[in-house]
C-alpha atoms as a PDB file:
ATOM      1  CA  MET A   1       0.155   0.117  -0.522  1.00  0.00           C
ATOM      2  CA  SER A   2       1.220   3.474  -0.674  1.00  0.00           C
ATOM      3  CA  THR A   3       2.859   5.299   2.005  1.00  0.00           C
ATOM      4  CA  ALA A   4       0.401   8.169   1.400  1.00  0.00           C
ATOM      5  CA  PHE A   5      -2.460   6.320   1.404  1.00  0.00           C
ATOM      6  CA  ARG A   6      -1.747   4.786   5.017  1.00  0.00           C
ATOM      7  CA  PRO A   7      -2.574   7.748   7.306  1.00  0.00           C
ATOM      8  CA  ARG A   8      -5.219   8.467   5.137  1.00  0.00           C
ATOM      9  CA  ARG A   9      -6.381   5.113   5.987  1.00  0.00           C
ATOM     10  CA  SER A  10      -6.161   5.459   9.216  1.00  0.00           C
ATOM     11  CA  ASN A  11      -7.886   8.475   9.566  1.00  0.00           C
ATOM     12  CA  PHE A  12     -10.785   7.480   7.836  1.00  0.00           C
ATOM     13  CA  ILE A  13     -11.043   4.119   9.782  1.00  0.00           C
ATOM     14  CA  ASN A  14     -11.396   6.404  12.900  1.00  0.00           C
ATOM     15  CA  GLU A  15     -13.622   8.817  11.533  1.00  0.00           C
ATOM     16  CA  CYS A  16     -16.488   6.721   9.946  1.00  0.00           C
ATOM     17  CA  TRP A  17     -16.032   3.091  11.181  1.00  0.00           C
ATOM     18  CA  HIS A  18     -18.135   2.872  13.694  1.00  0.00           C
ATOM     19  CA  GLU A  19     -21.245   3.869  11.700  1.00  0.00           C
ATOM     20  CA  ARG A  20     -22.062   2.109   7.930  1.00  0.00           C
ATOM     21  CA  ALA A  21     -19.127   1.477   6.214  1.00  0.00           C
ATOM     22  CA  ALA A  22     -17.958  -0.121   2.750  1.00  0.00           C
ATOM     23  CA  LEU A  23     -14.793  -2.065   1.733  1.00  0.00           C
ATOM     24  CA  PHE A  24     -14.030  -3.277  -1.687  1.00  0.00           C
ATOM     25  CA  PHE A  25     -10.983  -5.276  -3.194  1.00  0.00           C
ATOM     26  CA  ILE A  26     -10.063  -4.785  -6.612  1.00  0.00           C
ATOM     27  CA  ASP A  27      -8.180  -6.925  -8.690  1.00  0.00           C
ATOM     28  CA  LEU A  28      -7.176  -6.521 -11.832  1.00  0.00           C
ATOM     29  CA  ASP A  29      -7.449  -9.957 -14.145  1.00  0.00           C
ATOM     30  CA  ASN A  30      -4.499 -11.494 -15.712  1.00  0.00           C
ATOM     31  CA  PHE A  31      -2.433  -8.207 -15.254  1.00  0.00           C
ATOM     32  CA  LYS A  32       0.534  -9.937 -15.235  1.00  0.00           C
ATOM     33  CA  ALA A  33       0.236 -10.821 -18.643  1.00  0.00           C
ATOM     34  CA  VAL A  34      -0.191  -7.150 -19.338  1.00  0.00           C
ATOM     35  CA  ASN A  35       3.129  -6.273 -18.020  1.00  0.00           C
ATOM     36  CA  ASP A  36       4.829  -9.683 -19.592  1.00  0.00           C
ATOM     37  CA  THR A  37       3.377  -9.053 -23.089  1.00  0.00           C
ATOM     38  CA  TYR A  38       3.705  -4.804 -23.331  1.00  0.00           C
ATOM     39  CA  GLY A  39       6.057  -3.938 -20.452  1.00  0.00           C
ATOM     40  CA  HIS A  40       5.654  -2.381 -17.082  1.00  0.00           C
ATOM     41  CA  LEU A  41       5.387   1.272 -19.152  1.00  0.00           C
ATOM     42  CA  VAL A  42       1.730  -0.074 -20.184  1.00  0.00           C
ATOM     43  CA  GLY A  43       0.998  -1.477 -17.350  1.00  0.00           C
ATOM     44  CA  ASP A  44       1.625   1.598 -15.001  1.00  0.00           C
ATOM     45  CA  ILE A  45      -0.778   3.179 -17.824  1.00  0.00           C
ATOM     46  CA  LEU A  46      -3.278   0.762 -17.300  1.00  0.00           C
ATOM     47  CA  LEU A  47      -2.792   1.051 -13.438  1.00  0.00           C
ATOM     48  CA  GLN A  48      -3.245   4.953 -13.651  1.00  0.00           C
ATOM     49  CA  LYS A  49      -6.228   4.785 -15.910  1.00  0.00           C
ATOM     50  CA  VAL A  50      -8.068   2.191 -13.642  1.00  0.00           C
ATOM     51  CA  ALA A  51      -6.990   4.879 -10.405  1.00  0.00           C
ATOM     52  CA  ASN A  52      -8.975   7.712 -12.745  1.00  0.00           C
ATOM     53  CA  ILE A  53     -11.576   5.273 -13.292  1.00  0.00           C
ATOM     54  CA  ILE A  54     -12.171   3.981  -9.414  1.00  0.00           C
ATOM     55  CA  LYS A  55     -11.566   8.140  -8.417  1.00  0.00           C
ATOM     56  CA  ASN A  56     -14.367   9.068 -10.763  1.00  0.00           C
ATOM     57  CA  ASN A  57     -17.209   6.538  -9.382  1.00  0.00           C
ATOM     58  CA  ILE A  58     -16.865   7.591  -5.920  1.00  0.00           C
ATOM     59  CA  ARG A  59     -17.609  10.580  -4.024  1.00  0.00           C
ATOM     60  CA  SER A  60     -14.700  13.096  -2.168  1.00  0.00           C
ATOM     61  CA  THR A  61     -15.694  11.622   1.431  1.00  0.00           C
ATOM     62  CA  ASP A  62     -14.780   8.295  -0.049  1.00  0.00           C
ATOM     63  CA  LEU A  63     -11.135   6.951   0.130  1.00  0.00           C
ATOM     64  CA  ALA A  64      -9.432   4.655  -2.190  1.00  0.00           C
ATOM     65  CA  GLY A  65      -5.824   3.892  -2.914  1.00  0.00           C
ATOM     66  CA  ARG A  66      -3.409   1.516  -4.563  1.00  0.00           C
ATOM     67  CA  TYR A  67      -3.155  -1.882  -2.065  1.00  0.00           C
ATOM     68  CA  GLY A  68      -0.293  -3.479  -4.067  1.00  0.00           C
ATOM     69  CA  GLY A  69       0.979  -4.839  -7.376  1.00  0.00           C
ATOM     70  CA  ASP A  70      -2.766  -4.672  -9.121  1.00  0.00           C
ATOM     71  CA  GLU A  71      -5.306  -4.596  -6.386  1.00  0.00           C
ATOM     72  CA  PHE A  72      -6.995  -1.554  -5.093  1.00  0.00           C
ATOM     73  CA  MET A  73      -8.475  -0.663  -1.920  1.00  0.00           C
ATOM     74  CA  VAL A  74     -11.588   1.350  -1.544  1.00  0.00           C
ATOM     75  CA  PHE A  75     -13.402   2.427   1.605  1.00  0.00           C
ATOM     76  CA  ILE A  76     -16.773   4.185   1.299  1.00  0.00           C
ATOM     77  CA  ALA A  77     -18.223   5.961   3.995  1.00  0.00           C
ATOM     78  CA  ARG A  78     -21.670   6.107   5.177  1.00  0.00           C
ATOM     79  CA  PRO A  79     -22.943   4.605   2.223  1.00  0.00           C
ATOM     80  CA  ASP A  80     -27.270   5.322   1.672  1.00  0.00           C
ATOM     81  CA  SER A  81     -27.578   1.484   1.377  1.00  0.00           C
ATOM     82  CA  LYS A  82     -25.905  -1.859   0.501  1.00  0.00           C
ATOM     83  CA  GLN A  83     -27.281  -1.733  -2.844  1.00  0.00           C
ATOM     84  CA  SER A  84     -25.887   1.809  -3.916  1.00  0.00           C
ATOM     85  CA  VAL A  85     -22.480   0.502  -2.917  1.00  0.00           C
ATOM     86  CA  GLU A  86     -23.059  -2.613  -5.346  1.00  0.00           C
ATOM     87  CA  GLU A  87     -23.653  -0.305  -7.595  1.00  0.00           C
ATOM     88  CA  ILE A  88     -20.551   1.681  -7.381  1.00  0.00           C
ATOM     89  CA  ALA A  89     -18.776  -1.383  -7.421  1.00  0.00           C
ATOM     90  CA  GLN A  90     -20.806  -2.718 -10.680  1.00  0.00           C
ATOM     91  CA  ARG A  91     -19.826   1.409 -12.154  1.00  0.00           C
ATOM     92  CA  ILE A  92     -16.103   0.736 -11.629  1.00  0.00           C
ATOM     93  CA  CYS A  93     -16.288  -2.772 -12.951  1.00  0.00           C
ATOM     94  CA  ALA A  94     -17.936  -1.930 -16.030  1.00  0.00           C
ATOM     95  CA  GLY A  95     -15.646   1.329 -16.709  1.00  0.00           C
ATOM     96  CA  ILE A  96     -12.558  -0.774 -16.097  1.00  0.00           C
ATOM     97  CA  ASP A  97     -14.003  -3.326 -18.732  1.00  0.00           C
ATOM     98  CA  THR A  98     -14.137  -0.806 -21.291  1.00  0.00           C
ATOM     99  CA  LEU A  99     -10.365   0.037 -21.310  1.00  0.00           C
ATOM    100  CA  LYS A 100      -9.265  -1.893 -24.317  1.00  0.00           C
ATOM    101  CA  TYR A 101      -6.588   0.269 -25.821  1.00  0.00           C
ATOM    102  CA  MET A 102      -3.463   1.475 -24.068  1.00  0.00           C
ATOM    103  CA  ALA A 103      -0.690   3.453 -25.934  1.00  0.00           C
ATOM    104  CA  SER A 104       0.159   1.368 -29.160  1.00  0.00           C
ATOM    105  CA  ALA A 105      -0.739  -1.744 -27.687  1.00  0.00           C
ATOM    106  CA  GLN A 106      -4.033  -3.492 -27.626  1.00  0.00           C
ATOM    107  CA  VAL A 107      -4.835  -4.502 -24.131  1.00  0.00           C
ATOM    108  CA  LYS A 108      -8.313  -6.313 -22.769  1.00  0.00           C
ATOM    109  CA  VAL A 109      -8.361  -5.246 -19.004  1.00  0.00           C
ATOM    110  CA  THR A 110     -11.051  -6.674 -16.364  1.00  0.00           C
ATOM    111  CA  CYS A 111     -11.271  -6.938 -12.801  1.00  0.00           C
ATOM    112  CA  SER A 112     -12.835  -8.678 -10.274  1.00  0.00           C
ATOM    113  CA  ILE A 113     -14.168  -7.040  -6.662  1.00  0.00           C
ATOM    114  CA  GLY A 114     -15.157  -8.044  -3.489  1.00  0.00           C
ATOM    115  CA  VAL A 115     -17.547  -6.364  -1.281  1.00  0.00           C
ATOM    116  CA  VAL A 116     -18.406  -6.141   2.279  1.00  0.00           C
ATOM    117  CA  VAL A 117     -20.445  -3.589   3.691  1.00  0.00           C
ATOM    118  CA  ALA A 118     -20.760  -3.240   7.353  1.00  0.00           C
ATOM    119  CA  PRO A 119     -22.996  -3.722   9.670  1.00  0.00           C
ATOM    120  CA  ASP A 120     -25.100  -5.499   6.790  1.00  0.00           C
ATOM    121  CA  ASP A 121     -22.359  -8.508   6.032  1.00  0.00           C
ATOM    122  CA  ILE A 122     -20.858  -8.556   9.689  1.00  0.00           C
ATOM    123  CA  SER A 123     -21.172  -8.068  13.346  1.00  0.00           C
ATOM    124  CA  GLY A 124     -20.430  -4.512  14.228  1.00  0.00           C
ATOM    125  CA  SER A 125     -17.388  -2.769  11.951  1.00  0.00           C
ATOM    126  CA  ASP A 126     -14.614  -4.948  12.839  1.00  0.00           C
ATOM    127  CA  TYR A 127     -12.304  -3.326  10.324  1.00  0.00           C
ATOM    128  CA  ALA A 128      -9.989  -6.784  10.625  1.00  0.00           C
ATOM    129  CA  GLN A 129     -13.092  -8.801   9.643  1.00  0.00           C
ATOM    130  CA  MET A 130     -13.845  -6.782   6.654  1.00  0.00           C
ATOM    131  CA  VAL A 131     -10.605  -7.264   5.275  1.00  0.00           C
ATOM    132  CA  PHE A 132     -11.043 -10.779   5.955  1.00  0.00           C
ATOM    133  CA  LYS A 133     -14.245 -10.846   4.120  1.00  0.00           C
ATOM    134  CA  ALA A 134     -13.965  -8.752   1.280  1.00  0.00           C
ATOM    135  CA  ASP A 135     -10.605 -10.731   0.328  1.00  0.00           C
ATOM    136  CA  ASN A 136     -12.519 -13.690   0.419  1.00  0.00           C
ATOM    137  CA  ARG A 137     -15.668 -12.240  -1.909  1.00  0.00           C
ATOM    138  CA  LEU A 138     -12.384 -11.083  -4.286  1.00  0.00           C
ATOM    139  CA  TYR A 139     -11.114 -14.719  -4.246  1.00  0.00           C
ATOM    140  CA  ALA A 140     -15.021 -16.181  -5.001  1.00  0.00           C
ATOM    141  CA  ALA A 141     -15.028 -13.295  -7.847  1.00  0.00           C
ATOM    142  CA  LYS A 142     -11.684 -14.771  -9.528  1.00  0.00           C
ATOM    143  CA  HIS A 143     -12.666 -18.094  -8.870  1.00  0.00           C
ATOM    144  CA  LEU A 144     -16.015 -17.911 -10.343  1.00  0.00           C
ATOM    145  CA  GLY A 145     -15.111 -16.454 -13.456  1.00  0.00           C
ATOM    146  CA  LYS A 146     -13.353 -13.023 -13.123  1.00  0.00           C
ATOM    147  CA  ASN A 147     -14.740  -9.629 -14.111  1.00  0.00           C
ATOM    148  CA  MET A 148     -17.653  -9.631 -11.893  1.00  0.00           C
ATOM    149  CA  VAL A 149     -18.731  -8.072  -8.043  1.00  0.00           C
ATOM    150  CA  VAL A 150     -19.289 -10.645  -5.498  1.00  0.00           C
ATOM    151  CA  SER A 151     -20.887  -9.200  -2.498  1.00  0.00           C
ATOM    152  CA  THR A 152     -22.356 -12.054  -0.661  1.00  0.00           C
ATOM    153  CA  ASP A 153     -20.626 -15.148   0.737  1.00  0.00           C
ATOM    154  CA  CYS A 154     -20.726 -17.685  -1.707  1.00  0.00           C
ATOM    155  CA  GLU A 155     -19.616 -21.677  -1.328  1.00  0.00           C
ATOM    156  CA  VAL A 156     -16.025 -21.851  -3.689  1.00  0.00           C
ATOM    157  CA  PRO A 157     -14.948 -25.435  -3.926  1.00  0.00           C
ATOM    158  CA  GLU A 158     -11.049 -25.806  -2.801  1.00  0.00           C
ATOM    159  CA  GLU A 159      -8.744 -26.926  -5.607  1.00  0.00           C
ATOM    160  CA  ASN A 160      -7.253 -29.940  -5.969  1.00  0.00           C
END
């Protein structure tokens, strides 16, 4: 996670975590292939475009940052409802799906998103529990075919 994002994340959590809040984990699907095929410059341009899509789909009171590699973390402060959170995640997913051309390279990019809303999805608003659940839902989105938002618990069979 970027060093600039950490203190803002801590402040955000302290200010609004006792109220309704949402957390997304966003992971770009097959991003390694982009870097391997077209180079890190194209990958960096892609990450900047993804960051702009995320920024353009959240409010100024929300918080987003790069979590590491090709993962982003989004905090939604005091959302109106779980449905409104799901709509934001779907808009981000659809926006990333429209990224097709980067520099001189043709690149098709999608993302998988795991969403959790407190207190709807967990008891209370425990940050560690939210991270764990959002990460599990992200894993489910990847396992179920990628390019989707998962905002409910689902059974994911273990791989052999």
